[in-house]
């Protein structure tokens, strides 16, 4: 039997979406899994370059149409640009959304590819 803290017990909802021309993220399945309705107060912070944490409560809010508006200052700080594709990871049980921008996502995948390459050459 696996312990209760096992990764298999963590419910995560993934999605991928482009940041639209207004700096908004509109991915209904992922955002909907969190139950954040229009006006829900949220906090958006840069955890490290290219990675955002979004949690409740906070000084921002889910937009009127249910989208996540990322303020320009936060986008600049994170290195996130309009038209970039982001990976979303929603954790409904802890009311948290993690947004991974292209640069850290590329680094993660490149590291995995390098491991695979090393394994194939052995």
PDB file of N, CA and C in Angstrom:
ATOM      1  N   UNK A   1       0.836  -1.184   0.000  1.00  0.00           N
ATOM      2  CA  UNK A   1       0.000   0.000   0.000  1.00  0.00           C
ATOM      3  C   UNK A   1       0.882   1.248   0.000  1.00  0.00           C
ATOM      4  N   UNK A   2       0.499   2.238  -0.821  1.00  0.00           N
ATOM      5  CA  UNK A   2       1.278   3.466  -0.933  1.00  0.00           C
ATOM      6  C   UNK A   2       0.887   4.437   0.177  1.00  0.00           C
ATOM      7  N   UNK A   3       1.847   5.198   0.699  1.00  0.00           N
ATOM      8  CA  UNK A   3       1.518   6.174   1.738  1.00  0.00           C
ATOM      9  C   UNK A   3       0.590   7.264   1.202  1.00  0.00           C
ATOM     10  N   UNK A   4      -0.159   7.898   2.093  1.00  0.00           N
ATOM     11  CA  UNK A   4      -1.128   8.928   1.706  1.00  0.00           C
ATOM     12  C   UNK A   4      -0.474  10.128   1.044  1.00  0.00           C
ATOM     13  N   UNK A   5       0.807  10.370   1.323  1.00  0.00           N
ATOM     14  CA  UNK A   5       1.490  11.516   0.738  1.00  0.00           C
ATOM     15  C   UNK A   5       2.094  11.186  -0.625  1.00  0.00           C
ATOM     16  N   UNK A   6       1.828  10.008  -1.135  1.00  0.00           N
ATOM     17  CA  UNK A   6       2.350   9.584  -2.425  1.00  0.00           C
ATOM     18  C   UNK A   6       1.920  10.532  -3.531  1.00  0.00           C
ATOM     19  N   UNK A   7       2.789  10.702  -4.519  1.00  0.00           N
ATOM     20  CA  UNK A   7       2.485  11.554  -5.664  1.00  0.00           C
ATOM     21  C   UNK A   7       1.240  11.064  -6.388  1.00  0.00           C
ATOM     22  N   UNK A   8       0.941   9.777  -6.292  1.00  0.00           N
ATOM     23  CA  UNK A   8      -0.249   9.249  -6.958  1.00  0.00           C
ATOM     24  C   UNK A   8      -1.536   9.789  -6.340  1.00  0.00           C
ATOM     25  N   UNK A   9      -1.450  10.382  -5.164  1.00  0.00           N
ATOM     26  CA  UNK A   9      -2.620  10.934  -4.492  1.00  0.00           C
ATOM     27  C   UNK A   9      -2.855  12.402  -4.847  1.00  0.00           C
ATOM     28  N   UNK A  10      -1.919  13.031  -5.522  1.00  0.00           N
ATOM     29  CA  UNK A  10      -2.030  14.444  -5.853  1.00  0.00           C
ATOM     30  C   UNK A  10      -2.830  14.591  -7.145  1.00  0.00           C
ATOM     31  N   UNK A  11      -3.913  15.347  -7.081  1.00  0.00           N
ATOM     32  CA  UNK A  11      -4.737  15.585  -8.266  1.00  0.00           C
ATOM     33  C   UNK A  11      -4.264  16.866  -8.939  1.00  0.00           C
ATOM     34  N   UNK A  12      -3.845  16.745 -10.198  1.00  0.00           N
ATOM     35  CA  UNK A  12      -3.363  17.878 -10.970  1.00  0.00           C
ATOM     36  C   UNK A  12      -4.113  17.908 -12.289  1.00  0.00           C
ATOM     37  N   UNK A  13      -4.528  19.099 -12.700  1.00  0.00           N
ATOM     38  CA  UNK A  13      -5.177  19.282 -13.994  1.00  0.00           C
ATOM     39  C   UNK A  13      -4.231  20.117 -14.847  1.00  0.00           C
ATOM     40  N   UNK A  14      -3.794  19.534 -15.985  1.00  0.00           N
ATOM     41  CA  UNK A  14      -2.839  20.204 -16.865  1.00  0.00           C
ATOM     42  C   UNK A  14      -3.529  20.800 -18.077  1.00  0.00           C
ATOM     43  N   UNK A  15      -2.928  21.841 -18.604  1.00  0.00           N
ATOM     44  CA  UNK A  15      -3.396  22.446 -19.844  1.00  0.00           C
ATOM     45  C   UNK A  15      -2.297  23.297 -20.431  1.00  0.00           C
ATOM     46  N   UNK A  16      -2.469  23.642 -21.678  1.00  0.00           N
ATOM     47  CA  UNK A  16      -1.511  24.484 -22.371  1.00  0.00           C
ATOM     48  C   UNK A  16      -2.300  25.508 -23.177  1.00  0.00           C
ATOM     49  N   UNK A  17      -1.848  26.747 -23.156  1.00  0.00           N
ATOM     50  CA  UNK A  17      -2.600  27.809 -23.815  1.00  0.00           C
ATOM     51  C   UNK A  17      -1.648  28.949 -24.184  1.00  0.00           C
ATOM     52  N   UNK A  18      -2.041  29.727 -25.182  1.00  0.00           N
ATOM     53  CA  UNK A  18      -1.295  30.927 -25.548  1.00  0.00           C
ATOM     54  C   UNK A  18      -1.766  32.097 -24.690  1.00  0.00           C
ATOM     55  N   UNK A  19      -0.839  32.972 -24.330  1.00  0.00           N
ATOM     56  CA  UNK A  19      -1.199  34.201 -23.632  1.00  0.00           C
ATOM     57  C   UNK A  19      -1.762  35.141 -24.697  1.00  0.00           C
ATOM     58  N   UNK A  20      -3.007  35.588 -24.521  1.00  0.00           N
ATOM     59  CA  UNK A  20      -3.632  36.387 -25.577  1.00  0.00           C
ATOM     60  C   UNK A  20      -3.116  37.823 -25.613  1.00  0.00           C
ATOM     61  N   UNK A  21      -3.606  38.593 -26.569  1.00  0.00           N
ATOM     62  CA  UNK A  21      -3.119  39.952 -26.802  1.00  0.00           C
ATOM     63  C   UNK A  21      -3.346  40.899 -25.630  1.00  0.00           C
ATOM     64  N   UNK A  22      -4.196  40.537 -24.687  1.00  0.00           N
ATOM     65  CA  UNK A  22      -4.426  41.352 -23.489  1.00  0.00           C
ATOM     66  C   UNK A  22      -3.684  40.824 -22.269  1.00  0.00           C
ATOM     67  N   UNK A  23      -2.830  39.817 -22.472  1.00  0.00           N
ATOM     68  CA  UNK A  23      -2.113  39.239 -21.341  1.00  0.00           C
ATOM     69  C   UNK A  23      -2.978  38.312 -20.506  1.00  0.00           C
ATOM     70  N   UNK A  24      -4.031  37.792 -21.127  1.00  0.00           N
ATOM     71  CA  UNK A  24      -4.939  36.899 -20.411  1.00  0.00           C
ATOM     72  C   UNK A  24      -4.709  35.449 -20.796  1.00  0.00           C
ATOM     73  N   UNK A  25      -5.026  34.591 -19.843  1.00  0.00           N
ATOM     74  CA  UNK A  25      -4.985  33.145 -20.053  1.00  0.00           C
ATOM     75  C   UNK A  25      -6.427  32.658 -19.979  1.00  0.00           C
ATOM     76  N   UNK A  26      -6.858  32.035 -21.066  1.00  0.00           N
ATOM     77  CA  UNK A  26      -8.239  31.545 -21.143  1.00  0.00           C
ATOM     78  C   UNK A  26      -8.200  30.048 -21.403  1.00  0.00           C
ATOM     79  N   UNK A  27      -8.172  29.268 -20.351  1.00  0.00           N
ATOM     80  CA  UNK A  27      -8.170  27.809 -20.454  1.00  0.00           C
ATOM     81  C   UNK A  27      -9.219  27.310 -19.478  1.00  0.00           C
ATOM     82  N   UNK A  28     -10.430  27.134 -19.982  1.00  0.00           N
ATOM     83  CA  UNK A  28     -11.585  26.872 -19.125  1.00  0.00           C
ATOM     84  C   UNK A  28     -11.473  25.594 -18.294  1.00  0.00           C
ATOM     85  N   UNK A  29     -10.954  24.520 -18.864  1.00  0.00           N
ATOM     86  CA  UNK A  29     -10.885  23.250 -18.126  1.00  0.00           C
ATOM     87  C   UNK A  29      -9.977  23.384 -16.909  1.00  0.00           C
ATOM     88  N   UNK A  30      -8.808  23.979 -17.087  1.00  0.00           N
ATOM     89  CA  UNK A  30      -7.852  24.108 -15.984  1.00  0.00           C
ATOM     90  C   UNK A  30      -8.362  25.116 -14.951  1.00  0.00           C
ATOM     91  N   UNK A  31      -8.730  26.305 -15.412  1.00  0.00           N
ATOM     92  CA  UNK A  31      -9.210  27.319 -14.471  1.00  0.00           C
ATOM     93  C   UNK A  31     -10.513  26.877 -13.814  1.00  0.00           C
ATOM     94  N   UNK A  32     -11.364  26.199 -14.576  1.00  0.00           N
ATOM     95  CA  UNK A  32     -12.620  25.706 -14.025  1.00  0.00           C
ATOM     96  C   UNK A  32     -12.422  24.667 -12.936  1.00  0.00           C
ATOM     97  N   UNK A  33     -11.349  23.893 -13.035  1.00  0.00           N
ATOM     98  CA  UNK A  33     -11.084  22.862 -12.019  1.00  0.00           C
ATOM     99  C   UNK A  33     -10.809  23.478 -10.649  1.00  0.00           C
ATOM    100  N   UNK A  34     -10.397  24.735 -10.643  1.00  0.00           N
ATOM    101  CA  UNK A  34     -10.107  25.424  -9.383  1.00  0.00           C
ATOM    102  C   UNK A  34     -11.358  26.047  -8.773  1.00  0.00           C
ATOM    103  N   UNK A  35     -12.406  26.166  -9.566  1.00  0.00           N
ATOM    104  CA  UNK A  35     -13.649  26.753  -9.070  1.00  0.00           C
ATOM    105  C   UNK A  35     -13.587  28.253  -8.889  1.00  0.00           C
ATOM    106  N   UNK A  36     -12.633  28.904  -9.551  1.00  0.00           N
ATOM    107  CA  UNK A  36     -12.494  30.349  -9.413  1.00  0.00           C
ATOM    108  C   UNK A  36     -13.464  31.046 -10.353  1.00  0.00           C
ATOM    109  N   UNK A  37     -14.480  31.671  -9.816  1.00  0.00           N
ATOM    110  CA  UNK A  37     -15.468  32.405 -10.593  1.00  0.00           C
ATOM    111  C   UNK A  37     -14.972  33.825 -10.841  1.00  0.00           C
ATOM    112  N   UNK A  38     -15.657  34.501 -11.709  1.00  0.00           N
ATOM    113  CA  UNK A  38     -15.374  35.908 -11.975  1.00  0.00           C
ATOM    114  C   UNK A  38     -15.343  36.677 -10.653  1.00  0.00           C
ATOM    115  N   UNK A  39     -14.294  37.484 -10.480  1.00  0.00           N
ATOM    116  CA  UNK A  39     -14.159  38.282  -9.265  1.00  0.00           C
ATOM    117  C   UNK A  39     -13.439  37.610  -8.119  1.00  0.00           C
ATOM    118  N   UNK A  40     -13.098  36.320  -8.253  1.00  0.00           N
ATOM    119  CA  UNK A  40     -12.370  35.633  -7.183  1.00  0.00           C
ATOM    120  C   UNK A  40     -11.036  36.343  -6.943  1.00  0.00           C
ATOM    121  N   UNK A  41     -10.751  36.754  -5.701  1.00  0.00           N
ATOM    122  CA  UNK A  41      -9.485  37.426  -5.414  1.00  0.00           C
ATOM    123  C   UNK A  41      -8.322  36.436  -5.491  1.00  0.00           C
ATOM    124  N   UNK A  42      -7.274  36.826  -6.221  1.00  0.00           N
ATOM    125  CA  UNK A  42      -6.110  35.958  -6.410  1.00  0.00           C
ATOM    126  C   UNK A  42      -4.823  36.731  -6.189  1.00  0.00           C
ATOM    127  N   UNK A  43      -3.784  36.000  -5.869  1.00  0.00           N
ATOM    128  CA  UNK A  43      -2.430  36.537  -5.768  1.00  0.00           C
ATOM    129  C   UNK A  43      -1.639  35.934  -6.921  1.00  0.00           C
ATOM    130  N   UNK A  44      -0.870  36.747  -7.615  1.00  0.00           N
ATOM    131  CA  UNK A  44      -0.019  36.275  -8.710  1.00  0.00           C
ATOM    132  C   UNK A  44       1.399  36.714  -8.382  1.00  0.00           C
ATOM    133  N   UNK A  45       2.309  35.743  -8.290  1.00  0.00           N
ATOM    134  CA  UNK A  45       3.692  36.114  -7.976  1.00  0.00           C
ATOM    135  C   UNK A  45       4.667  35.298  -8.813  1.00  0.00           C
ATOM    136  N   UNK A  46       5.810  35.903  -9.072  1.00  0.00           N
ATOM    137  CA  UNK A  46       6.882  35.227  -9.791  1.00  0.00           C
ATOM    138  C   UNK A  46       7.662  34.424  -8.760  1.00  0.00           C
ATOM    139  N   UNK A  47       7.702  33.103  -8.950  1.00  0.00           N
ATOM    140  CA  UNK A  47       8.415  32.210  -8.036  1.00  0.00           C
ATOM    141  C   UNK A  47       9.891  32.173  -8.394  1.00  0.00           C
ATOM    142  N   UNK A  48      10.151  32.100  -9.676  1.00  0.00           N
ATOM    143  CA  UNK A  48      11.487  32.200 -10.252  1.00  0.00           C
ATOM    144  C   UNK A  48      11.285  32.598 -11.698  1.00  0.00           C
ATOM    145  N   UNK A  49      12.331  32.970 -12.419  1.00  0.00           N
ATOM    146  CA  UNK A  49      12.123  33.416 -13.798  1.00  0.00           C
ATOM    147  C   UNK A  49      11.317  32.403 -14.615  1.00  0.00           C
ATOM    148  N   UNK A  50      10.225  32.885 -15.175  1.00  0.00           N
ATOM    149  CA  UNK A  50       9.401  32.052 -16.039  1.00  0.00           C
ATOM    150  C   UNK A  50       8.399  31.166 -15.326  1.00  0.00           C
ATOM    151  N   UNK A  51       8.296  31.278 -14.002  1.00  0.00           N
ATOM    152  CA  UNK A  51       7.344  30.449 -13.257  1.00  0.00           C
ATOM    153  C   UNK A  51       6.515  31.337 -12.340  1.00  0.00           C
ATOM    154  N   UNK A  52       5.193  31.235 -12.495  1.00  0.00           N
ATOM    155  CA  UNK A  52       4.269  32.011 -11.678  1.00  0.00           C
ATOM    156  C   UNK A  52       3.467  31.088 -10.773  1.00  0.00           C
ATOM    157  N   UNK A  53       3.159  31.566  -9.590  1.00  0.00           N
ATOM    158  CA  UNK A  53       2.233  30.889  -8.687  1.00  0.00           C
ATOM    159  C   UNK A  53       1.013  31.787  -8.551  1.00  0.00           C
ATOM    160  N   UNK A  54      -0.159  31.189  -8.700  1.00  0.00           N
ATOM    161  CA  UNK A  54      -1.410  31.927  -8.560  1.00  0.00           C
ATOM    162  C   UNK A  54      -2.218  31.211  -7.477  1.00  0.00           C
ATOM    163  N   UNK A  55      -2.608  31.972  -6.453  1.00  0.00           N
ATOM    164  CA  UNK A  55      -3.326  31.391  -5.318  1.00  0.00           C
ATOM    165  C   UNK A  55      -4.376  32.374  -4.825  1.00  0.00           C
ATOM    166  N   UNK A  56      -5.274  31.885  -3.994  1.00  0.00           N
ATOM    167  CA  UNK A  56      -6.258  32.754  -3.364  1.00  0.00           C
ATOM    168  C   UNK A  56      -5.928  32.859  -1.883  1.00  0.00           C
ATOM    169  N   UNK A  57      -6.271  33.944  -1.245  1.00  0.00           N
ATOM    170  CA  UNK A  57      -6.779  35.194  -1.793  1.00  0.00           C
ATOM    171  C   UNK A  57      -5.637  36.099  -2.211  1.00  0.00           C
ATOM    172  N   UNK A  58      -5.959  37.255  -2.735  1.00  0.00           N
ATOM    173  CA  UNK A  58      -4.929  38.201  -3.140  1.00  0.00           C
ATOM    174  C   UNK A  58      -5.520  39.512  -3.614  1.00  0.00           C
ATOM    175  N   UNK A  59      -4.664  40.351  -4.138  1.00  0.00           N
ATOM    176  CA  UNK A  59      -5.056  41.697  -4.551  1.00  0.00           C
ATOM    177  C   UNK A  59      -5.507  41.819  -5.987  1.00  0.00           C
ATOM    178  N   UNK A  60      -5.440  40.737  -6.760  1.00  0.00           N
ATOM    179  CA  UNK A  60      -5.939  40.731  -8.137  1.00  0.00           C
ATOM    180  C   UNK A  60      -7.239  39.937  -8.145  1.00  0.00           C
ATOM    181  N   UNK A  61      -7.853  39.806  -9.315  1.00  0.00           N
ATOM    182  CA  UNK A  61      -9.102  39.042  -9.383  1.00  0.00           C
ATOM    183  C   UNK A  61      -9.234  38.371 -10.749  1.00  0.00           C
ATOM    184  N   UNK A  62      -9.965  37.264 -10.777  1.00  0.00           N
ATOM    185  CA  UNK A  62     -10.321  36.614 -12.033  1.00  0.00           C
ATOM    186  C   UNK A  62     -11.215  37.590 -12.793  1.00  0.00           C
ATOM    187  N   UNK A  63     -10.953  37.751 -14.082  1.00  0.00           N
ATOM    188  CA  UNK A  63     -11.670  38.751 -14.869  1.00  0.00           C
ATOM    189  C   UNK A  63     -13.151  38.416 -15.018  1.00  0.00           C
ATOM    190  N   UNK A  64     -13.891  39.394 -15.490  1.00  0.00           N
ATOM    191  CA  UNK A  64     -15.342  39.277 -15.645  1.00  0.00           C
ATOM    192  C   UNK A  64     -15.740  38.081 -16.510  1.00  0.00           C
ATOM    193  N   UNK A  65     -14.902  37.748 -17.506  1.00  0.00           N
ATOM    194  CA  UNK A  65     -15.222  36.616 -18.390  1.00  0.00           C
ATOM    195  C   UNK A  65     -14.571  35.313 -17.933  1.00  0.00           C
ATOM    196  N   UNK A  66     -14.046  35.287 -16.697  1.00  0.00           N
ATOM    197  CA  UNK A  66     -13.491  34.066 -16.130  1.00  0.00           C
ATOM    198  C   UNK A  66     -12.059  33.758 -16.529  1.00  0.00           C
ATOM    199  N   UNK A  67     -11.388  34.720 -17.140  1.00  0.00           N
ATOM    200  CA  UNK A  67     -10.002  34.510 -17.557  1.00  0.00           C
ATOM    201  C   UNK A  67      -9.036  35.023 -16.500  1.00  0.00           C
ATOM    202  N   UNK A  68      -7.805  34.535 -16.599  1.00  0.00           N
ATOM    203  CA  UNK A  68      -6.737  34.978 -15.699  1.00  0.00           C
ATOM    204  C   UNK A  68      -5.963  36.089 -16.389  1.00  0.00           C
ATOM    205  N   UNK A  69      -6.078  37.292 -15.879  1.00  0.00           N
ATOM    206  CA  UNK A  69      -5.363  38.453 -16.412  1.00  0.00           C
ATOM    207  C   UNK A  69      -4.040  38.566 -15.667  1.00  0.00           C
ATOM    208  N   UNK A  70      -2.927  38.485 -16.403  1.00  0.00           N
ATOM    209  CA  UNK A  70      -1.615  38.631 -15.783  1.00  0.00           C
ATOM    210  C   UNK A  70      -1.135  40.057 -16.054  1.00  0.00           C
ATOM    211  N   UNK A  71      -1.006  40.869 -15.023  1.00  0.00           N
ATOM    212  CA  UNK A  71      -0.598  42.262 -15.209  1.00  0.00           C
ATOM    213  C   UNK A  71       0.744  42.377 -15.940  1.00  0.00           C
ATOM    214  N   UNK A  72       0.885  43.444 -16.710  1.00  0.00           N
ATOM    215  CA  UNK A  72       2.078  43.655 -17.531  1.00  0.00           C
ATOM    216  C   UNK A  72       3.363  43.630 -16.706  1.00  0.00           C
ATOM    217  N   UNK A  73       3.359  44.241 -15.527  1.00  0.00           N
ATOM    218  CA  UNK A  73       4.572  44.267 -14.691  1.00  0.00           C
ATOM    219  C   UNK A  73       4.983  42.849 -14.288  1.00  0.00           C
ATOM    220  N   UNK A  74       4.027  41.998 -13.985  1.00  0.00           N
ATOM    221  CA  UNK A  74       4.340  40.619 -13.618  1.00  0.00           C
ATOM    222  C   UNK A  74       4.819  39.851 -14.844  1.00  0.00           C
ATOM    223  N   UNK A  75       4.178  40.084 -16.001  1.00  0.00           N
ATOM    224  CA  UNK A  75       4.628  39.420 -17.235  1.00  0.00           C
ATOM    225  C   UNK A  75       6.080  39.789 -17.538  1.00  0.00           C
ATOM    226  N   UNK A  76       6.405  41.069 -17.420  1.00  0.00           N
ATOM    227  CA  UNK A  76       7.783  41.514 -17.680  1.00  0.00           C
ATOM    228  C   UNK A  76       8.761  40.857 -16.709  1.00  0.00           C
ATOM    229  N   UNK A  77       8.405  40.840 -15.441  1.00  0.00           N
ATOM    230  CA  UNK A  77       9.268  40.264 -14.415  1.00  0.00           C
ATOM    231  C   UNK A  77       9.513  38.773 -14.651  1.00  0.00           C
ATOM    232  N   UNK A  78       8.498  38.075 -15.160  1.00  0.00           N
ATOM    233  CA  UNK A  78       8.605  36.631 -15.402  1.00  0.00           C
ATOM    234  C   UNK A  78       9.207  36.309 -16.763  1.00  0.00           C
ATOM    235  N   UNK A  79       9.318  37.309 -17.641  1.00  0.00           N
ATOM    236  CA  UNK A  79       9.803  37.053 -18.996  1.00  0.00           C
ATOM    237  C   UNK A  79       8.735  36.438 -19.890  1.00  0.00           C
ATOM    238  N   UNK A  80       7.485  36.687 -19.557  1.00  0.00           N
ATOM    239  CA  UNK A  80       6.350  36.143 -20.307  1.00  0.00           C
ATOM    240  C   UNK A  80       5.868  37.180 -21.314  1.00  0.00           C
ATOM    241  N   UNK A  81       5.702  36.765 -22.560  1.00  0.00           N
ATOM    242  CA  UNK A  81       5.285  37.686 -23.604  1.00  0.00           C
ATOM    243  C   UNK A  81       3.958  37.261 -24.214  1.00  0.00           C
ATOM    244  N   UNK A  82       3.267  38.236 -24.765  1.00  0.00           N
ATOM    245  CA  UNK A  82       2.034  37.975 -25.500  1.00  0.00           C
ATOM    246  C   UNK A  82       2.347  36.954 -26.587  1.00  0.00           C
ATOM    247  N   UNK A  83       1.482  35.965 -26.750  1.00  0.00           N
ATOM    248  CA  UNK A  83       1.676  34.942 -27.774  1.00  0.00           C
ATOM    249  C   UNK A  83       2.503  33.751 -27.325  1.00  0.00           C
ATOM    250  N   UNK A  84       3.132  33.848 -26.151  1.00  0.00           N
ATOM    251  CA  UNK A  84       3.877  32.703 -25.625  1.00  0.00           C
ATOM    252  C   UNK A  84       2.901  31.611 -25.203  1.00  0.00           C
ATOM    253  N   UNK A  85       3.316  30.381 -25.386  1.00  0.00           N
ATOM    254  CA  UNK A  85       2.536  29.248 -24.886  1.00  0.00           C
ATOM    255  C   UNK A  85       3.013  28.943 -23.471  1.00  0.00           C
ATOM    256  N   UNK A  86       2.071  28.685 -22.580  1.00  0.00           N
ATOM    257  CA  UNK A  86       2.392  28.346 -21.197  1.00  0.00           C
ATOM    258  C   UNK A  86       1.775  27.002 -20.854  1.00  0.00           C
ATOM    259  N   UNK A  87       2.412  26.311 -19.913  1.00  0.00           N
ATOM    260  CA  UNK A  87       1.867  25.085 -19.353  1.00  0.00           C
ATOM    261  C   UNK A  87       1.230  25.462 -18.028  1.00  0.00           C
ATOM    262  N   UNK A  88      -0.003  25.029 -17.836  1.00  0.00           N
ATOM    263  CA  UNK A  88      -0.729  25.297 -16.604  1.00  0.00           C
ATOM    264  C   UNK A  88      -0.846  24.009 -15.812  1.00  0.00           C
ATOM    265  N   UNK A  89      -0.643  24.095 -14.523  1.00  0.00           N
ATOM    266  CA  UNK A  89      -0.832  22.952 -13.628  1.00  0.00           C
ATOM    267  C   UNK A  89      -1.692  23.435 -12.461  1.00  0.00           C
ATOM    268  N   UNK A  90      -2.954  22.984 -12.451  1.00  0.00           N
ATOM    269  CA  UNK A  90      -3.887  23.378 -11.392  1.00  0.00           C
ATOM    270  C   UNK A  90      -3.929  22.292 -10.327  1.00  0.00           C
ATOM    271  N   UNK A  91      -3.883  22.708  -9.091  1.00  0.00           N
ATOM    272  CA  UNK A  91      -3.985  21.823  -7.936  1.00  0.00           C
ATOM    273  C   UNK A  91      -5.257  22.210  -7.180  1.00  0.00           C
ATOM    274  N   UNK A  92      -6.401  21.656  -7.599  1.00  0.00           N
ATOM    275  CA  UNK A  92      -7.675  22.054  -6.979  1.00  0.00           C
ATOM    276  C   UNK A  92      -7.739  21.837  -5.469  1.00  0.00           C
ATOM    277  N   UNK A  93      -7.099  20.794  -4.975  1.00  0.00           N
ATOM    278  CA  UNK A  93      -7.167  20.505  -3.542  1.00  0.00           C
ATOM    279  C   UNK A  93      -6.428  21.530  -2.694  1.00  0.00           C
ATOM    280  N   UNK A  94      -5.460  22.230  -3.279  1.00  0.00           N
ATOM    281  CA  UNK A  94      -4.741  23.268  -2.536  1.00  0.00           C
ATOM    282  C   UNK A  94      -5.007  24.660  -3.099  1.00  0.00           C
ATOM    283  N   UNK A  95      -5.950  24.749  -4.049  1.00  0.00           N
ATOM    284  CA  UNK A  95      -6.372  26.045  -4.586  1.00  0.00           C
ATOM    285  C   UNK A  95      -5.207  26.832  -5.179  1.00  0.00           C
ATOM    286  N   UNK A  96      -4.391  26.150  -5.981  1.00  0.00           N
ATOM    287  CA  UNK A  96      -3.170  26.752  -6.530  1.00  0.00           C
ATOM    288  C   UNK A  96      -3.054  26.453  -8.023  1.00  0.00           C
ATOM    289  N   UNK A  97      -2.544  27.435  -8.760  1.00  0.00           N
ATOM    290  CA  UNK A  97      -2.227  27.279 -10.180  1.00  0.00           C
ATOM    291  C   UNK A  97      -0.767  27.629 -10.374  1.00  0.00           C
ATOM    292  N   UNK A  98      -0.040  26.779 -11.077  1.00  0.00           N
ATOM    293  CA  UNK A  98       1.344  27.070 -11.434  1.00  0.00           C
ATOM    294  C   UNK A  98       1.383  27.291 -12.937  1.00  0.00           C
ATOM    295  N   UNK A  99       2.019  28.374 -13.351  1.00  0.00           N
ATOM    296  CA  UNK A  99       2.146  28.731 -14.760  1.00  0.00           C
ATOM    297  C   UNK A  99       3.619  28.639 -15.129  1.00  0.00           C
ATOM    298  N   UNK A 100       3.940  27.744 -16.076  1.00  0.00           N
ATOM    299  CA  UNK A 100       5.316  27.593 -16.547  1.00  0.00           C
ATOM    300  C   UNK A 100       5.429  28.203 -17.934  1.00  0.00           C
ATOM    301  N   UNK A 101       6.305  29.181 -18.055  1.00  0.00           N
ATOM    302  CA  UNK A 101       6.534  29.845 -19.327  1.00  0.00           C
ATOM    303  C   UNK A 101       7.467  28.998 -20.196  1.00  0.00           C
ATOM    304  N   UNK A 102       7.704  29.443 -21.423  1.00  0.00           N
ATOM    305  CA  UNK A 102       8.475  28.653 -22.385  1.00  0.00           C
ATOM    306  C   UNK A 102       9.913  28.374 -21.961  1.00  0.00           C
ATOM    307  N   UNK A 103      10.605  29.339 -21.388  1.00  0.00           N
ATOM    308  CA  UNK A 103      12.018  29.155 -21.069  1.00  0.00           C
ATOM    309  C   UNK A 103      12.260  28.044 -20.037  1.00  0.00           C
ATOM    310  N   UNK A 104      11.609  28.039 -18.869  1.00  0.00           N
ATOM    311  CA  UNK A 104      11.852  26.942 -17.932  1.00  0.00           C
ATOM    312  C   UNK A 104      11.321  25.607 -18.448  1.00  0.00           C
ATOM    313  N   UNK A 105      10.262  25.653 -19.231  1.00  0.00           N
ATOM    314  CA  UNK A 105       9.714  24.426 -19.802  1.00  0.00           C
ATOM    315  C   UNK A 105      10.701  23.825 -20.795  1.00  0.00           C
ATOM    316  N   UNK A 106      11.319  24.684 -21.612  1.00  0.00           N
ATOM    317  CA  UNK A 106      12.327  24.217 -22.556  1.00  0.00           C
ATOM    318  C   UNK A 106      13.516  23.604 -21.810  1.00  0.00           C
ATOM    319  N   UNK A 107      13.966  24.257 -20.738  1.00  0.00           N
ATOM    320  CA  UNK A 107      15.093  23.744 -19.954  1.00  0.00           C
ATOM    321  C   UNK A 107      14.764  22.380 -19.350  1.00  0.00           C
ATOM    322  N   UNK A 108      13.544  22.222 -18.851  1.00  0.00           N
ATOM    323  CA  UNK A 108      13.120  20.948 -18.273  1.00  0.00           C
ATOM    324  C   UNK A 108      13.140  19.844 -19.325  1.00  0.00           C
ATOM    325  N   UNK A 109      12.557  20.108 -20.472  1.00  0.00           N
ATOM    326  CA  UNK A 109      12.492  19.103 -21.535  1.00  0.00           C
ATOM    327  C   UNK A 109      13.888  18.811 -22.087  1.00  0.00           C
ATOM    328  N   UNK A 110      14.732  19.824 -22.211  1.00  0.00           N
ATOM    329  CA  UNK A 110      16.102  19.604 -22.693  1.00  0.00           C
ATOM    330  C   UNK A 110      16.870  18.705 -21.723  1.00  0.00           C
ATOM    331  N   UNK A 111      16.656  18.892 -20.416  1.00  0.00           N
ATOM    332  CA  UNK A 111      17.309  18.040 -19.424  1.00  0.00           C
ATOM    333  C   UNK A 111      16.843  16.597 -19.529  1.00  0.00           C
ATOM    334  N   UNK A 112      15.557  16.394 -19.757  1.00  0.00           N
ATOM    335  CA  UNK A 112      15.021  15.042 -19.921  1.00  0.00           C
ATOM    336  C   UNK A 112      15.580  14.410 -21.187  1.00  0.00           C
ATOM    337  N   UNK A 113      15.637  15.185 -22.267  1.00  0.00           N
ATOM    338  CA  UNK A 113      16.186  14.674 -23.529  1.00  0.00           C
ATOM    339  C   UNK A 113      17.648  14.266 -23.357  1.00  0.00           C
ATOM    340  N   UNK A 114      18.402  15.040 -22.598  1.00  0.00           N
ATOM    341  CA  UNK A 114      19.809  14.719 -22.357  1.00  0.00           C
ATOM    342  C   UNK A 114      19.930  13.415 -21.570  1.00  0.00           C
ATOM    343  N   UNK A 115      19.058  13.219 -20.582  1.00  0.00           N
ATOM    344  CA  UNK A 115      19.067  11.952 -19.825  1.00  0.00           C
ATOM    345  C   UNK A 115      18.763  10.770 -20.738  1.00  0.00           C
ATOM    346  N   UNK A 116      17.785  10.949 -21.592  1.00  0.00           N
ATOM    347  CA  UNK A 116      17.419   9.894 -22.525  1.00  0.00           C
ATOM    348  C   UNK A 116      18.601   9.566 -23.444  1.00  0.00           C
ATOM    349  N   UNK A 117      19.237  10.614 -23.951  1.00  0.00           N
ATOM    350  CA  UNK A 117      20.393  10.421 -24.843  1.00  0.00           C
ATOM    351  C   UNK A 117      21.522   9.675 -24.142  1.00  0.00           C
ATOM    352  N   UNK A 118      21.786  10.055 -22.890  1.00  0.00           N
ATOM    353  CA  UNK A 118      22.851   9.370 -22.141  1.00  0.00           C
ATOM    354  C   UNK A 118      22.503   7.889 -21.950  1.00  0.00           C
ATOM    355  N   UNK A 119      21.227   7.593 -21.695  1.00  0.00           N
ATOM    356  CA  UNK A 119      20.793   6.222 -21.503  1.00  0.00           C
ATOM    357  C   UNK A 119      20.903   5.400 -22.769  1.00  0.00           C
ATOM    358  N   UNK A 120      20.648   6.000 -23.927  1.00  0.00           N
ATOM    359  CA  UNK A 120      20.702   5.279 -25.199  1.00  0.00           C
ATOM    360  C   UNK A 120      22.137   4.964 -25.588  1.00  0.00           C
ATOM    361  N   UNK A 121      23.071   5.768 -25.128  1.00  0.00           N
ATOM    362  CA  UNK A 121      24.481   5.565 -25.508  1.00  0.00           C
ATOM    363  C   UNK A 121      25.184   4.566 -24.597  1.00  0.00           C
ATOM    364  N   UNK A 122      24.591   4.234 -23.473  1.00  0.00           N
ATOM    365  CA  UNK A 122      25.225   3.326 -22.516  1.00  0.00           C
ATOM    366  C   UNK A 122      25.173   1.895 -22.989  1.00  0.00           C
TER     367      UNK A 122
END
